[in-house]
Amino acid sequence: MKKIMFLGALLCLTNSCKKKEPISIEEINSDEIVTITHNEKKIQTGDSVDIHFPKEFKIVMNSDNIIDLSIYYFINKRTLMNITDYEISEKINKKPILSFKSYLSSKKPIDIIIKERNHLISKNEAKELLKKYNINQSLDNLKFGDTIKLIPYNQFRKENNSTINDLKKINDSIFFRVTSNEGKVFTKGEKINW
């Protein structure tokens, strides 16, 4: 019996001594709205529009020593550039986040939304979505700055399997890079769960 108690105590001690990662990341199945906008980059022909899928993450700082947090987003085998290719904003007030400096000392979780701007669908696909959700807006006069709101992302995922399955074909990912005040760098990668 003493051996069992000793082993139990040793196991508890070992688990409590494990070094905790400086940040914890959790991807949330977002209820933010999927939107359609004008094809801002004219990447392909004029017969396409951008569809924006909001990705939501909860970031928890587990260390007081963090002095920098950067996010690297990889979609369709290429690195995206913040601001031009995607936008990070706070979930609660929708305020854009250009730097995490002001969040690093807080013990509160940071709830962020990332809206990527490079998913194109044909105007015909977009028209089908508008029809499916009884949205009476025209794509013909869609111009820069116009936004058509569809439905929450978690609902879109359930009701549009073919679109989501196309997204899942490529291993898209996001990396969170943390630097400590001792100069140590920690990187945590997550596969995007479309």
N, C-alpha and C. Protein backbone atom coordinates (compact mmCIF):
# COMPACT_ATOMS: atom_id res chain seq x y z
N MET A 1 0.82 -1.19 0.00
CA MET A 1 0.00 0.00 0.00
C MET A 1 0.87 1.26 0.00
N LYS A 2 1.99 1.22 0.75
CA LYS A 2 2.88 2.37 0.79
C LYS A 2 3.49 2.61 -0.58
N LYS A 3 3.81 1.50 -1.30
CA LYS A 3 4.38 1.64 -2.64
C LYS A 3 3.39 2.33 -3.57
N ILE A 4 2.12 1.96 -3.49
CA ILE A 4 1.10 2.56 -4.34
C ILE A 4 0.96 4.05 -4.03
N MET A 5 0.95 4.39 -2.73
CA MET A 5 0.84 5.80 -2.35
C MET A 5 2.06 6.58 -2.81
N PHE A 6 3.24 5.96 -2.68
CA PHE A 6 4.47 6.60 -3.11
C PHE A 6 4.46 6.84 -4.62
N LEU A 7 4.04 5.83 -5.39
CA LEU A 7 3.98 5.96 -6.85
C LEU A 7 2.95 7.02 -7.26
N GLY A 8 1.81 7.06 -6.56
CA GLY A 8 0.78 8.07 -6.84
C GLY A 8 1.32 9.47 -6.58
N ALA A 9 2.00 9.66 -5.47
CA ALA A 9 2.58 10.96 -5.13
C ALA A 9 3.65 11.35 -6.15
N LEU A 10 4.47 10.39 -6.55
CA LEU A 10 5.52 10.64 -7.54
C LEU A 10 4.91 11.04 -8.88
N LEU A 11 3.83 10.37 -9.28
CA LEU A 11 3.16 10.70 -10.52
C LEU A 11 2.57 12.11 -10.48
N CYS A 12 1.95 12.46 -9.36
CA CYS A 12 1.39 13.82 -9.21
C CYS A 12 2.51 14.87 -9.27
N LEU A 13 3.62 14.60 -8.61
CA LEU A 13 4.75 15.52 -8.61
C LEU A 13 5.32 15.68 -10.01
N THR A 14 5.45 14.58 -10.73
CA THR A 14 5.97 14.62 -12.09
C THR A 14 5.07 15.45 -12.98
N ASN A 15 3.76 15.24 -12.88
CA ASN A 15 2.83 15.99 -13.71
C ASN A 15 2.85 17.48 -13.37
N SER A 16 3.00 17.82 -12.10
CA SER A 16 3.00 19.23 -11.72
C SER A 16 4.29 19.92 -12.12
N CYS A 17 5.36 19.15 -12.34
CA CYS A 17 6.65 19.74 -12.71
C CYS A 17 6.81 19.89 -14.22
N LYS A 18 5.88 19.33 -14.99
CA LYS A 18 5.98 19.48 -16.43
C LYS A 18 5.94 20.95 -16.79
N LYS A 19 6.81 21.33 -17.71
CA LYS A 19 6.88 22.71 -18.12
C LYS A 19 5.68 23.04 -19.01
N LYS A 20 4.95 24.05 -18.64
CA LYS A 20 3.77 24.48 -19.38
C LYS A 20 4.21 25.32 -20.57
N GLU A 21 3.53 25.13 -21.71
CA GLU A 21 3.84 25.93 -22.89
C GLU A 21 3.49 27.39 -22.60
N PRO A 22 4.23 28.35 -23.19
CA PRO A 22 3.98 29.76 -22.91
C PRO A 22 2.59 30.24 -23.34
N ILE A 23 2.01 29.60 -24.37
CA ILE A 23 0.65 29.95 -24.79
C ILE A 23 -0.15 28.68 -25.06
N SER A 24 -1.45 28.81 -24.90
CA SER A 24 -2.38 27.75 -25.28
C SER A 24 -3.28 28.30 -26.37
N ILE A 25 -3.56 27.47 -27.37
CA ILE A 25 -4.38 27.88 -28.50
C ILE A 25 -5.54 26.91 -28.63
N GLU A 26 -6.74 27.46 -28.84
CA GLU A 26 -7.90 26.62 -29.10
C GLU A 26 -8.66 27.21 -30.29
N GLU A 27 -8.89 26.39 -31.31
CA GLU A 27 -9.70 26.84 -32.43
C GLU A 27 -11.17 26.65 -32.06
N ILE A 28 -11.96 27.67 -32.30
CA ILE A 28 -13.38 27.68 -31.95
C ILE A 28 -14.20 27.56 -33.23
N ASN A 29 -15.25 26.75 -33.19
CA ASN A 29 -16.17 26.66 -34.32
C ASN A 29 -17.01 27.94 -34.34
N SER A 30 -16.64 28.87 -35.16
CA SER A 30 -17.14 30.25 -35.10
C SER A 30 -18.59 30.41 -35.53
N ASP A 31 -19.26 31.34 -34.86
CA ASP A 31 -20.60 31.74 -35.25
C ASP A 31 -20.59 33.10 -35.98
N GLU A 32 -19.40 33.54 -36.36
CA GLU A 32 -19.27 34.78 -37.14
C GLU A 32 -19.84 34.56 -38.55
N ILE A 33 -20.23 35.62 -39.20
CA ILE A 33 -20.91 35.55 -40.49
C ILE A 33 -19.94 35.36 -41.66
N VAL A 34 -20.27 34.42 -42.54
CA VAL A 34 -19.56 34.25 -43.81
C VAL A 34 -20.02 35.38 -44.73
N THR A 35 -19.08 36.00 -45.43
CA THR A 35 -19.44 37.13 -46.30
C THR A 35 -18.89 36.94 -47.71
N ILE A 36 -19.50 37.64 -48.63
CA ILE A 36 -19.05 37.68 -50.03
C ILE A 36 -18.72 39.13 -50.35
N THR A 37 -17.58 39.33 -51.02
CA THR A 37 -17.20 40.68 -51.44
C THR A 37 -16.72 40.65 -52.89
N HIS A 38 -16.54 41.82 -53.42
CA HIS A 38 -15.98 42.01 -54.76
C HIS A 38 -14.61 41.32 -54.81
N ASN A 39 -14.25 40.76 -55.95
CA ASN A 39 -12.93 40.15 -56.15
C ASN A 39 -11.88 41.26 -56.10
N GLU A 40 -11.38 41.52 -54.89
CA GLU A 40 -10.51 42.68 -54.64
C GLU A 40 -9.19 42.63 -55.39
N LYS A 41 -8.65 41.43 -55.58
CA LYS A 41 -7.33 41.34 -56.19
C LYS A 41 -7.37 41.01 -57.67
N LYS A 42 -8.56 40.73 -58.18
CA LYS A 42 -8.68 40.34 -59.59
C LYS A 42 -7.70 39.22 -59.92
N ILE A 43 -7.60 38.24 -59.01
CA ILE A 43 -6.64 37.15 -59.16
C ILE A 43 -6.93 36.33 -60.41
N GLN A 44 -8.20 36.06 -60.65
CA GLN A 44 -8.57 35.31 -61.85
C GLN A 44 -9.42 36.20 -62.73
N THR A 45 -10.38 35.64 -63.35
CA THR A 45 -11.24 36.44 -64.23
C THR A 45 -12.22 37.25 -63.40
N GLY A 46 -12.95 38.12 -64.06
CA GLY A 46 -13.97 38.92 -63.40
C GLY A 46 -15.21 38.12 -63.06
N ASP A 47 -15.18 36.82 -63.37
CA ASP A 47 -16.34 35.96 -63.11
C ASP A 47 -16.27 35.33 -61.72
N SER A 48 -15.53 35.94 -60.80
CA SER A 48 -15.41 35.37 -59.46
C SER A 48 -15.58 36.46 -58.41
N VAL A 49 -15.91 36.01 -57.20
CA VAL A 49 -16.02 36.90 -56.04
C VAL A 49 -15.27 36.26 -54.88
N ASP A 50 -14.93 37.08 -53.90
CA ASP A 50 -14.27 36.57 -52.69
C ASP A 50 -15.32 36.09 -51.71
N ILE A 51 -15.05 34.95 -51.08
CA ILE A 51 -15.88 34.48 -49.97
C ILE A 51 -14.98 34.42 -48.75
N HIS A 52 -15.44 34.99 -47.65
CA HIS A 52 -14.62 35.11 -46.44
C HIS A 52 -15.16 34.18 -45.36
N PHE A 53 -14.31 33.25 -44.94
CA PHE A 53 -14.66 32.32 -43.87
C PHE A 53 -13.96 32.76 -42.59
N PRO A 54 -14.70 33.19 -41.58
CA PRO A 54 -14.06 33.63 -40.34
C PRO A 54 -13.55 32.44 -39.53
N LYS A 55 -12.30 32.49 -39.12
CA LYS A 55 -11.72 31.47 -38.25
C LYS A 55 -11.52 32.12 -36.89
N GLU A 56 -11.89 31.39 -35.85
CA GLU A 56 -11.85 31.94 -34.50
C GLU A 56 -10.89 31.13 -33.63
N PHE A 57 -10.09 31.85 -32.85
CA PHE A 57 -9.13 31.22 -31.95
C PHE A 57 -9.17 31.89 -30.58
N LYS A 58 -8.95 31.08 -29.55
CA LYS A 58 -8.79 31.59 -28.19
C LYS A 58 -7.32 31.38 -27.83
N ILE A 59 -6.65 32.47 -27.46
CA ILE A 59 -5.24 32.42 -27.09
C ILE A 59 -5.13 32.74 -25.60
N VAL A 60 -4.43 31.89 -24.86
CA VAL A 60 -4.21 32.10 -23.44
C VAL A 60 -2.71 32.22 -23.19
N MET A 61 -2.31 33.31 -22.54
CA MET A 61 -0.91 33.50 -22.17
C MET A 61 -0.64 32.76 -20.86
N ASN A 62 0.28 31.80 -20.90
CA ASN A 62 0.61 31.01 -19.71
C ASN A 62 1.90 31.46 -19.05
N SER A 63 2.47 32.56 -19.54
CA SER A 63 3.74 33.03 -19.02
C SER A 63 3.73 34.55 -18.93
N ASP A 64 4.41 35.08 -17.92
CA ASP A 64 4.55 36.54 -17.78
C ASP A 64 5.75 37.05 -18.57
N ASN A 65 6.52 36.14 -19.16
CA ASN A 65 7.76 36.52 -19.84
C ASN A 65 7.60 36.78 -21.33
N ILE A 66 6.40 36.73 -21.85
CA ILE A 66 6.19 36.91 -23.29
C ILE A 66 6.29 38.39 -23.65
N ILE A 67 7.14 38.69 -24.66
CA ILE A 67 7.28 40.09 -25.11
C ILE A 67 6.80 40.27 -26.55
N ASP A 68 6.55 39.17 -27.27
CA ASP A 68 6.08 39.31 -28.64
C ASP A 68 5.27 38.08 -29.04
N LEU A 69 4.21 38.31 -29.80
CA LEU A 69 3.39 37.25 -30.37
C LEU A 69 3.12 37.61 -31.82
N SER A 70 3.45 36.69 -32.72
CA SER A 70 3.21 36.89 -34.15
C SER A 70 2.41 35.70 -34.68
N ILE A 71 1.62 35.95 -35.70
CA ILE A 71 0.82 34.90 -36.32
C ILE A 71 1.23 34.78 -37.78
N TYR A 72 1.42 33.52 -38.22
CA TYR A 72 1.74 33.23 -39.61
C TYR A 72 0.67 32.29 -40.14
N TYR A 73 0.05 32.68 -41.24
CA TYR A 73 -1.10 31.98 -41.78
C TYR A 73 -0.71 31.38 -43.13
N PHE A 74 -0.88 30.06 -43.30
CA PHE A 74 -0.51 29.37 -44.53
C PHE A 74 -1.77 28.77 -45.16
N ILE A 75 -2.15 29.28 -46.32
CA ILE A 75 -3.33 28.82 -47.03
C ILE A 75 -2.92 28.43 -48.44
N ASN A 76 -3.38 27.27 -48.87
CA ASN A 76 -3.11 26.81 -50.23
C ASN A 76 -1.61 26.83 -50.54
N LYS A 77 -0.83 26.37 -49.57
CA LYS A 77 0.63 26.21 -49.69
C LYS A 77 1.40 27.51 -49.86
N ARG A 78 0.82 28.61 -49.41
CA ARG A 78 1.58 29.87 -49.45
C ARG A 78 1.34 30.68 -48.18
N THR A 79 2.35 31.45 -47.82
CA THR A 79 2.26 32.30 -46.64
C THR A 79 1.47 33.55 -46.99
N LEU A 80 0.49 33.85 -46.15
CA LEU A 80 -0.30 35.05 -46.38
C LEU A 80 0.29 36.23 -45.62
N MET A 81 0.05 37.41 -46.13
CA MET A 81 0.53 38.63 -45.51
C MET A 81 -0.60 39.26 -44.71
N ASN A 82 -0.32 39.59 -43.45
CA ASN A 82 -1.33 40.26 -42.63
C ASN A 82 -1.71 41.59 -43.28
N ILE A 83 -2.93 41.96 -43.15
CA ILE A 83 -3.57 43.17 -43.66
C ILE A 83 -3.97 43.00 -45.14
N THR A 84 -3.04 42.62 -46.03
CA THR A 84 -3.42 42.49 -47.43
C THR A 84 -4.15 41.17 -47.70
N ASP A 85 -3.76 40.08 -47.06
CA ASP A 85 -4.36 38.77 -47.31
C ASP A 85 -5.35 38.32 -46.24
N TYR A 86 -5.21 38.84 -45.05
CA TYR A 86 -6.14 38.50 -43.97
C TYR A 86 -6.13 39.60 -42.92
N GLU A 87 -7.19 39.59 -42.12
CA GLU A 87 -7.32 40.57 -41.05
C GLU A 87 -7.58 39.85 -39.74
N ILE A 88 -6.91 40.30 -38.70
CA ILE A 88 -7.12 39.76 -37.35
C ILE A 88 -7.88 40.82 -36.56
N SER A 89 -8.94 40.40 -35.89
CA SER A 89 -9.68 41.35 -35.06
C SER A 89 -10.12 40.68 -33.76
N GLU A 90 -10.45 41.52 -32.78
CA GLU A 90 -10.99 41.01 -31.53
C GLU A 90 -12.40 40.51 -31.77
N LYS A 91 -12.77 39.42 -31.13
CA LYS A 91 -14.12 38.88 -31.31
C LYS A 91 -15.17 39.82 -30.74
N ILE A 92 -14.92 40.35 -29.56
CA ILE A 92 -15.95 41.12 -28.87
C ILE A 92 -16.26 42.44 -29.56
N ASN A 93 -15.25 43.26 -29.80
CA ASN A 93 -15.53 44.60 -30.34
C ASN A 93 -15.16 44.77 -31.82
N LYS A 94 -14.71 43.69 -32.44
CA LYS A 94 -14.36 43.70 -33.87
C LYS A 94 -13.23 44.66 -34.23
N LYS A 95 -12.51 45.13 -33.24
CA LYS A 95 -11.39 46.06 -33.46
C LYS A 95 -10.22 45.30 -34.09
N PRO A 96 -9.67 45.83 -35.20
CA PRO A 96 -8.52 45.16 -35.83
C PRO A 96 -7.32 45.10 -34.88
N ILE A 97 -6.60 44.00 -34.93
CA ILE A 97 -5.38 43.84 -34.13
C ILE A 97 -4.19 43.87 -35.09
N LEU A 98 -3.36 44.90 -34.95
CA LEU A 98 -2.15 45.01 -35.76
C LEU A 98 -0.94 44.53 -34.98
N SER A 99 -1.03 44.58 -33.65
CA SER A 99 0.05 44.13 -32.78
C SER A 99 -0.58 43.56 -31.50
N PHE A 100 0.06 42.53 -30.95
CA PHE A 100 -0.44 41.91 -29.71
C PHE A 100 0.23 42.48 -28.47
N LYS A 101 1.08 43.49 -28.61
CA LYS A 101 1.84 44.04 -27.47
C LYS A 101 0.96 44.36 -26.27
N SER A 102 -0.16 45.02 -26.50
CA SER A 102 -1.01 45.44 -25.38
C SER A 102 -1.75 44.26 -24.72
N TYR A 103 -1.77 43.11 -25.34
CA TYR A 103 -2.47 41.94 -24.80
C TYR A 103 -1.55 41.00 -24.01
N LEU A 104 -0.26 41.15 -24.17
CA LEU A 104 0.69 40.17 -23.64
C LEU A 104 0.74 40.10 -22.12
N SER A 105 0.52 41.19 -21.44
CA SER A 105 0.62 41.19 -19.98
C SER A 105 -0.69 40.76 -19.31
N SER A 106 -1.74 40.66 -20.10
CA SER A 106 -3.05 40.29 -19.54
C SER A 106 -3.16 38.79 -19.34
N LYS A 107 -3.80 38.41 -18.29
CA LYS A 107 -4.04 36.99 -18.03
C LYS A 107 -5.36 36.54 -18.65
N LYS A 108 -6.10 37.48 -19.24
CA LYS A 108 -7.37 37.14 -19.87
C LYS A 108 -7.10 36.51 -21.23
N PRO A 109 -7.90 35.53 -21.61
CA PRO A 109 -7.76 34.95 -22.96
C PRO A 109 -8.05 36.01 -24.02
N ILE A 110 -7.40 35.87 -25.16
CA ILE A 110 -7.63 36.76 -26.29
C ILE A 110 -8.47 35.97 -27.30
N ASP A 111 -9.66 36.44 -27.58
CA ASP A 111 -10.51 35.80 -28.57
C ASP A 111 -10.38 36.58 -29.86
N ILE A 112 -9.83 35.91 -30.89
CA ILE A 112 -9.60 36.60 -32.17
C ILE A 112 -10.39 35.95 -33.30
N ILE A 113 -10.66 36.75 -34.31
CA ILE A 113 -11.27 36.29 -35.55
C ILE A 113 -10.27 36.61 -36.66
N ILE A 114 -10.02 35.63 -37.51
CA ILE A 114 -9.17 35.85 -38.67
C ILE A 114 -10.04 35.70 -39.91
N LYS A 115 -10.06 36.75 -40.73
CA LYS A 115 -10.81 36.71 -41.98
C LYS A 115 -9.81 36.76 -43.13
N GLU A 116 -9.74 35.67 -43.84
CA GLU A 116 -8.82 35.54 -44.96
C GLU A 116 -9.50 36.03 -46.22
N ARG A 117 -8.74 36.67 -47.10
CA ARG A 117 -9.33 37.34 -48.26
C ARG A 117 -9.02 36.68 -49.61
N ASN A 118 -8.60 35.44 -49.62
CA ASN A 118 -8.16 34.86 -50.89
C ASN A 118 -8.95 33.67 -51.40
N HIS A 119 -10.11 33.40 -50.83
CA HIS A 119 -10.91 32.30 -51.34
C HIS A 119 -11.87 32.85 -52.40
N LEU A 120 -11.72 32.36 -53.62
CA LEU A 120 -12.57 32.81 -54.70
C LEU A 120 -13.59 31.72 -55.05
N ILE A 121 -14.79 32.16 -55.38
CA ILE A 121 -15.79 31.26 -55.93
C ILE A 121 -16.37 31.93 -57.16
N SER A 122 -16.90 31.14 -58.08
CA SER A 122 -17.48 31.72 -59.28
C SER A 122 -18.74 32.50 -58.91
N LYS A 123 -19.10 33.42 -59.76
CA LYS A 123 -20.33 34.18 -59.51
C LYS A 123 -21.55 33.25 -59.54
N ASN A 124 -21.47 32.20 -60.35
CA ASN A 124 -22.58 31.24 -60.38
C ASN A 124 -22.74 30.53 -59.03
N GLU A 125 -21.60 30.11 -58.42
CA GLU A 125 -21.66 29.49 -57.09
C GLU A 125 -22.22 30.48 -56.06
N ALA A 126 -21.76 31.72 -56.16
CA ALA A 126 -22.22 32.75 -55.23
C ALA A 126 -23.72 33.00 -55.39
N LYS A 127 -24.18 33.02 -56.64
CA LYS A 127 -25.62 33.22 -56.88
C LYS A 127 -26.44 32.08 -56.28
N GLU A 128 -25.90 30.85 -56.38
CA GLU A 128 -26.59 29.69 -55.78
C GLU A 128 -26.69 29.85 -54.26
N LEU A 129 -25.61 30.36 -53.64
CA LEU A 129 -25.64 30.58 -52.20
C LEU A 129 -26.66 31.66 -51.83
N LEU A 130 -26.69 32.73 -52.59
CA LEU A 130 -27.66 33.79 -52.33
C LEU A 130 -29.09 33.27 -52.45
N LYS A 131 -29.32 32.46 -53.47
CA LYS A 131 -30.64 31.88 -53.68
C LYS A 131 -30.99 30.92 -52.54
N LYS A 132 -30.02 30.09 -52.15
CA LYS A 132 -30.23 29.11 -51.08
C LYS A 132 -30.65 29.78 -49.78
N TYR A 133 -30.07 30.95 -49.49
CA TYR A 133 -30.33 31.64 -48.23
C TYR A 133 -31.28 32.84 -48.39
N ASN A 134 -31.99 32.88 -49.49
CA ASN A 134 -33.00 33.91 -49.75
C ASN A 134 -32.46 35.33 -49.55
N ILE A 135 -31.29 35.57 -50.11
CA ILE A 135 -30.68 36.90 -50.03
C ILE A 135 -30.89 37.59 -51.38
N ASN A 136 -31.62 38.66 -51.36
CA ASN A 136 -31.98 39.36 -52.60
C ASN A 136 -31.03 40.50 -52.90
N GLN A 137 -29.76 40.15 -53.13
CA GLN A 137 -28.77 41.15 -53.53
C GLN A 137 -28.13 40.67 -54.82
N SER A 138 -27.77 41.62 -55.65
CA SER A 138 -27.19 41.29 -56.95
C SER A 138 -25.66 41.30 -56.87
N LEU A 139 -25.05 40.37 -57.57
CA LEU A 139 -23.59 40.33 -57.67
C LEU A 139 -23.11 41.19 -58.84
N ASP A 140 -24.03 41.54 -59.73
CA ASP A 140 -23.65 42.26 -60.96
C ASP A 140 -23.06 43.63 -60.67
N ASN A 141 -23.56 44.31 -59.66
CA ASN A 141 -23.08 45.66 -59.35
C ASN A 141 -22.18 45.68 -58.10
N LEU A 142 -21.71 44.51 -57.70
CA LEU A 142 -20.86 44.42 -56.52
C LEU A 142 -19.54 45.13 -56.79
N LYS A 143 -19.20 46.10 -55.94
CA LYS A 143 -17.96 46.84 -56.15
C LYS A 143 -17.12 46.83 -54.88
N PHE A 144 -15.92 47.34 -55.01
CA PHE A 144 -14.98 47.37 -53.89
C PHE A 144 -15.64 48.01 -52.68
N GLY A 145 -15.57 47.33 -51.53
CA GLY A 145 -16.15 47.85 -50.29
C GLY A 145 -17.52 47.29 -49.97
N ASP A 146 -18.21 46.73 -50.98
CA ASP A 146 -19.52 46.13 -50.75
C ASP A 146 -19.36 44.76 -50.09
N THR A 147 -20.28 44.44 -49.18
CA THR A 147 -20.26 43.16 -48.48
C THR A 147 -21.66 42.57 -48.45
N ILE A 148 -21.74 41.29 -48.82
CA ILE A 148 -23.00 40.56 -48.71
C ILE A 148 -22.84 39.55 -47.59
N LYS A 149 -23.73 39.63 -46.60
CA LYS A 149 -23.67 38.72 -45.46
C LYS A 149 -24.49 37.48 -45.75
N LEU A 150 -23.90 36.31 -45.49
CA LEU A 150 -24.61 35.05 -45.71
C LEU A 150 -25.20 34.53 -44.40
N ILE A 151 -24.50 33.60 -43.78
CA ILE A 151 -24.97 32.94 -42.55
C ILE A 151 -23.77 32.71 -41.64
N PRO A 152 -23.99 32.34 -40.37
CA PRO A 152 -22.87 32.03 -39.49
C PRO A 152 -22.03 30.86 -40.04
N TYR A 153 -20.73 30.95 -39.81
CA TYR A 153 -19.79 29.95 -40.33
C TYR A 153 -20.13 28.53 -39.85
N ASN A 154 -20.49 28.38 -38.56
CA ASN A 154 -20.78 27.03 -38.06
C ASN A 154 -21.98 26.43 -38.79
N GLN A 155 -22.93 27.23 -39.19
CA GLN A 155 -24.08 26.75 -39.97
C GLN A 155 -23.64 26.46 -41.41
N PHE A 156 -22.81 27.35 -41.98
CA PHE A 156 -22.32 27.17 -43.35
C PHE A 156 -21.59 25.85 -43.48
N ARG A 157 -20.77 25.51 -42.49
CA ARG A 157 -20.02 24.24 -42.52
C ARG A 157 -20.94 23.04 -42.62
N LYS A 158 -22.04 23.07 -41.89
CA LYS A 158 -22.98 21.95 -41.89
C LYS A 158 -23.75 21.83 -43.19
N GLU A 159 -24.06 22.96 -43.81
CA GLU A 159 -24.97 22.96 -44.95
C GLU A 159 -24.28 23.02 -46.31
N ASN A 160 -22.96 23.13 -46.35
CA ASN A 160 -22.23 23.26 -47.62
C ASN A 160 -21.02 22.34 -47.63
N ASN A 161 -21.28 21.05 -47.56
CA ASN A 161 -20.21 20.05 -47.46
C ASN A 161 -19.21 20.11 -48.61
N SER A 162 -19.68 20.30 -49.84
CA SER A 162 -18.76 20.27 -50.97
C SER A 162 -17.75 21.42 -50.89
N THR A 163 -18.21 22.61 -50.51
CA THR A 163 -17.30 23.75 -50.37
C THR A 163 -16.28 23.50 -49.26
N ILE A 164 -16.76 23.02 -48.13
CA ILE A 164 -15.86 22.75 -46.99
C ILE A 164 -14.89 21.62 -47.32
N ASN A 165 -15.36 20.58 -47.99
CA ASN A 165 -14.48 19.48 -48.36
C ASN A 165 -13.38 19.93 -49.32
N ASP A 166 -13.70 20.88 -50.21
CA ASP A 166 -12.66 21.44 -51.09
C ASP A 166 -11.59 22.16 -50.27
N LEU A 167 -12.01 22.87 -49.23
CA LEU A 167 -11.05 23.57 -48.37
C LEU A 167 -10.16 22.59 -47.61
N LYS A 168 -10.73 21.46 -47.23
CA LYS A 168 -9.99 20.47 -46.43
C LYS A 168 -8.95 19.70 -47.23
N LYS A 169 -8.98 19.79 -48.56
CA LYS A 169 -8.06 19.02 -49.40
C LYS A 169 -6.61 19.43 -49.21
N ILE A 170 -6.41 20.67 -48.83
CA ILE A 170 -5.05 21.18 -48.64
C ILE A 170 -4.82 21.41 -47.15
N ASN A 171 -3.65 21.05 -46.67
CA ASN A 171 -3.35 21.21 -45.24
C ASN A 171 -3.01 22.65 -44.91
N ASP A 172 -4.04 23.47 -44.77
CA ASP A 172 -3.84 24.85 -44.36
C ASP A 172 -3.50 24.88 -42.88
N SER A 173 -2.69 25.84 -42.47
CA SER A 173 -2.26 25.88 -41.07
C SER A 173 -1.99 27.30 -40.61
N ILE A 174 -1.90 27.42 -39.30
CA ILE A 174 -1.59 28.70 -38.67
C ILE A 174 -0.51 28.45 -37.62
N PHE A 175 0.43 29.37 -37.50
CA PHE A 175 1.50 29.25 -36.53
C PHE A 175 1.52 30.48 -35.63
N PHE A 176 1.66 30.23 -34.35
CA PHE A 176 1.76 31.28 -33.35
C PHE A 176 3.20 31.27 -32.85
N ARG A 177 3.89 32.38 -33.01
CA ARG A 177 5.31 32.48 -32.61
C ARG A 177 5.41 33.44 -31.44
N VAL A 178 5.99 32.94 -30.35
CA VAL A 178 6.12 33.72 -29.12
C VAL A 178 7.59 33.92 -28.80
N THR A 179 7.95 35.13 -28.40
CA THR A 179 9.32 35.43 -27.96
C THR A 179 9.25 35.85 -26.49
N SER A 180 10.16 35.28 -25.68
CA SER A 180 10.20 35.63 -24.26
C SER A 180 11.21 36.73 -24.02
N ASN A 181 11.15 37.34 -22.83
CA ASN A 181 12.11 38.40 -22.51
C ASN A 181 13.53 37.85 -22.31
N GLU A 182 13.67 36.52 -22.30
CA GLU A 182 15.00 35.90 -22.25
C GLU A 182 15.54 35.60 -23.64
N GLY A 183 14.76 35.96 -24.67
CA GLY A 183 15.19 35.73 -26.05
C GLY A 183 14.80 34.36 -26.59
N LYS A 184 14.09 33.56 -25.81
CA LYS A 184 13.66 32.23 -26.27
C LYS A 184 12.47 32.38 -27.19
N VAL A 185 12.45 31.54 -28.24
CA VAL A 185 11.35 31.56 -29.21
C VAL A 185 10.61 30.23 -29.13
N PHE A 186 9.29 30.32 -29.07
CA PHE A 186 8.44 29.14 -29.02
C PHE A 186 7.42 29.27 -30.16
N THR A 187 7.27 28.22 -30.96
CA THR A 187 6.32 28.24 -32.06
C THR A 187 5.33 27.10 -31.88
N LYS A 188 4.07 27.43 -32.02
CA LYS A 188 3.01 26.43 -31.91
C LYS A 188 2.20 26.47 -33.19
N GLY A 189 2.13 25.32 -33.88
CA GLY A 189 1.38 25.23 -35.13
C GLY A 189 0.06 24.50 -34.95
N GLU A 190 -0.93 24.92 -35.70
CA GLU A 190 -2.25 24.30 -35.66
C GLU A 190 -2.73 24.11 -37.10
N LYS A 191 -3.26 22.93 -37.40
CA LYS A 191 -3.89 22.72 -38.69
C LYS A 191 -5.24 23.42 -38.67
N ILE A 192 -5.59 24.13 -39.73
CA ILE A 192 -6.88 24.80 -39.80
C ILE A 192 -7.97 23.73 -39.96
N ASN A 193 -8.94 23.77 -39.11
CA ASN A 193 -10.03 22.81 -39.16
C ASN A 193 -11.20 23.44 -39.91
N TRP A 194 -11.18 23.30 -41.23
CA TRP A 194 -12.27 23.87 -42.03
C TRP A 194 -13.50 23.08 -41.72
